[in-house]
């Protein structure tokens, strides 16, 4: 049986990963866009992104656009694999094969 991923299982982090994995492989999103999409505060999103980055599931890139700081976020290959593994574990539970 596949195992639930403790890092991704937290609801906000699951929503973040689902949003990022839905993008094309090398596509990234702006922090502000992600914050608005998920209806989170800066601090809440930042804390969850830090946890996902520490696990190697996302890559954060900080840059400047027209002299303003911008933060971009994308899922890594490891993050894609982790989310798909977590989804497989959830599907097994739903099918009842996790007994």
Protein backbone atom coordinates (compact mmCIF):
# COMPACT_ATOMS: atom_id res chain seq x y z
CA UNK A 1 0.00 0.00 0.00
CA UNK A 2 1.19 3.51 -0.78
CA UNK A 3 1.80 5.74 2.23
CA UNK A 4 0.18 9.10 2.89
CA UNK A 5 2.73 11.89 2.74
CA UNK A 6 2.84 13.72 6.07
CA UNK A 7 4.16 16.94 4.54
CA UNK A 8 1.60 17.10 1.73
CA UNK A 9 -1.31 15.71 3.76
CA UNK A 10 -1.83 19.03 5.57
CA UNK A 11 -4.79 20.67 3.72
CA UNK A 12 -3.13 23.97 2.77
CA UNK A 13 0.02 22.24 1.53
CA UNK A 14 -2.11 19.77 -0.43
CA UNK A 15 -3.87 22.70 -2.12
CA UNK A 16 -0.55 24.39 -2.86
CA UNK A 17 0.94 21.25 -4.40
CA UNK A 18 -2.20 20.51 -6.42
CA UNK A 19 -2.11 24.07 -7.79
CA UNK A 20 1.57 23.84 -8.72
CA UNK A 21 1.48 20.34 -10.21
CA UNK A 22 -1.41 21.41 -12.44
CA UNK A 23 1.02 23.74 -14.23
CA UNK A 24 3.31 22.72 -17.08
CA UNK A 25 6.51 21.03 -15.83
CA UNK A 26 8.73 24.15 -15.75
CA UNK A 27 5.99 26.75 -15.30
CA UNK A 28 5.99 28.85 -12.14
CA UNK A 29 3.55 31.20 -10.43
CA UNK A 30 3.94 34.45 -8.59
CA UNK A 31 3.58 34.36 -4.79
CA UNK A 32 0.82 36.99 -4.94
CA UNK A 33 -1.14 34.99 -7.51
CA UNK A 34 -0.88 31.85 -5.38
CA UNK A 35 -1.86 33.75 -2.23
CA UNK A 36 -4.98 35.12 -3.91
CA UNK A 37 -5.87 31.82 -5.54
CA UNK A 38 -5.75 29.96 -2.23
CA UNK A 39 -7.10 32.87 -0.14
CA UNK A 40 -4.23 32.80 2.36
CA UNK A 41 -2.31 35.46 4.24
CA UNK A 42 1.29 36.24 3.31
CA UNK A 43 2.54 34.69 6.53
CA UNK A 44 0.44 31.55 6.24
CA UNK A 45 1.45 30.92 2.63
CA UNK A 46 5.09 31.73 3.40
CA UNK A 47 5.22 29.24 6.27
CA UNK A 48 3.73 26.44 4.18
CA UNK A 49 6.01 27.21 1.23
CA UNK A 50 9.03 27.05 3.55
CA UNK A 51 7.97 23.56 4.71
CA UNK A 52 7.47 22.37 1.12
CA UNK A 53 10.79 23.88 0.05
CA UNK A 54 12.61 22.18 2.96
CA UNK A 55 11.17 18.85 1.76
CA UNK A 56 12.44 19.57 -1.77
CA UNK A 57 8.93 19.60 -3.24
CA UNK A 58 9.03 23.17 -4.52
CA UNK A 59 11.59 25.65 -5.77
CA UNK A 60 11.32 29.31 -4.79
CA UNK A 61 12.98 31.98 -6.90
CA UNK A 62 13.26 35.56 -5.71
CA UNK A 63 13.93 38.28 -8.24
CA UNK A 64 13.15 41.91 -9.01
CA UNK A 65 10.71 43.13 -11.65
CA UNK A 66 10.75 46.89 -12.24
CA UNK A 67 12.67 47.32 -8.97
CA UNK A 68 10.03 45.45 -6.99
CA UNK A 69 10.78 42.12 -5.33
CA UNK A 70 8.92 39.16 -6.83
CA UNK A 71 8.79 35.60 -5.60
CA UNK A 72 8.05 32.76 -7.98
CA UNK A 73 7.16 29.22 -7.00
CA UNK A 74 7.18 25.96 -8.95
CA UNK A 75 6.90 22.27 -8.15
CA UNK A 76 10.05 20.16 -8.49
CA UNK A 77 10.18 16.66 -9.97
CA UNK A 78 10.35 15.33 -6.42
CA UNK A 79 7.25 17.37 -5.60
CA UNK A 80 5.36 15.94 -8.58
CA UNK A 81 6.29 12.41 -7.50
CA UNK A 82 5.34 13.07 -3.87
CA UNK A 83 1.93 14.44 -4.78
CA UNK A 84 1.18 11.57 -7.17
CA UNK A 85 2.22 9.07 -4.48
CA UNK A 86 -0.02 10.78 -1.95
CA UNK A 87 -2.94 10.72 -4.38
CA UNK A 88 -2.34 6.99 -5.00
CA UNK A 89 -2.48 6.35 -1.24
CA UNK A 90 -5.74 8.31 -0.96
CA UNK A 91 -7.22 6.34 -3.87
CA UNK A 92 -6.29 3.06 -2.16
CA UNK A 93 -8.02 4.21 1.01
CA UNK A 94 -11.12 5.22 -0.93
CA UNK A 95 -11.22 1.87 -2.72
CA UNK A 96 -10.88 0.09 0.60
CA UNK A 97 -7.67 -1.71 -0.37
CA UNK A 98 -5.74 -0.05 2.43
CA UNK A 99 -7.03 -2.55 5.00
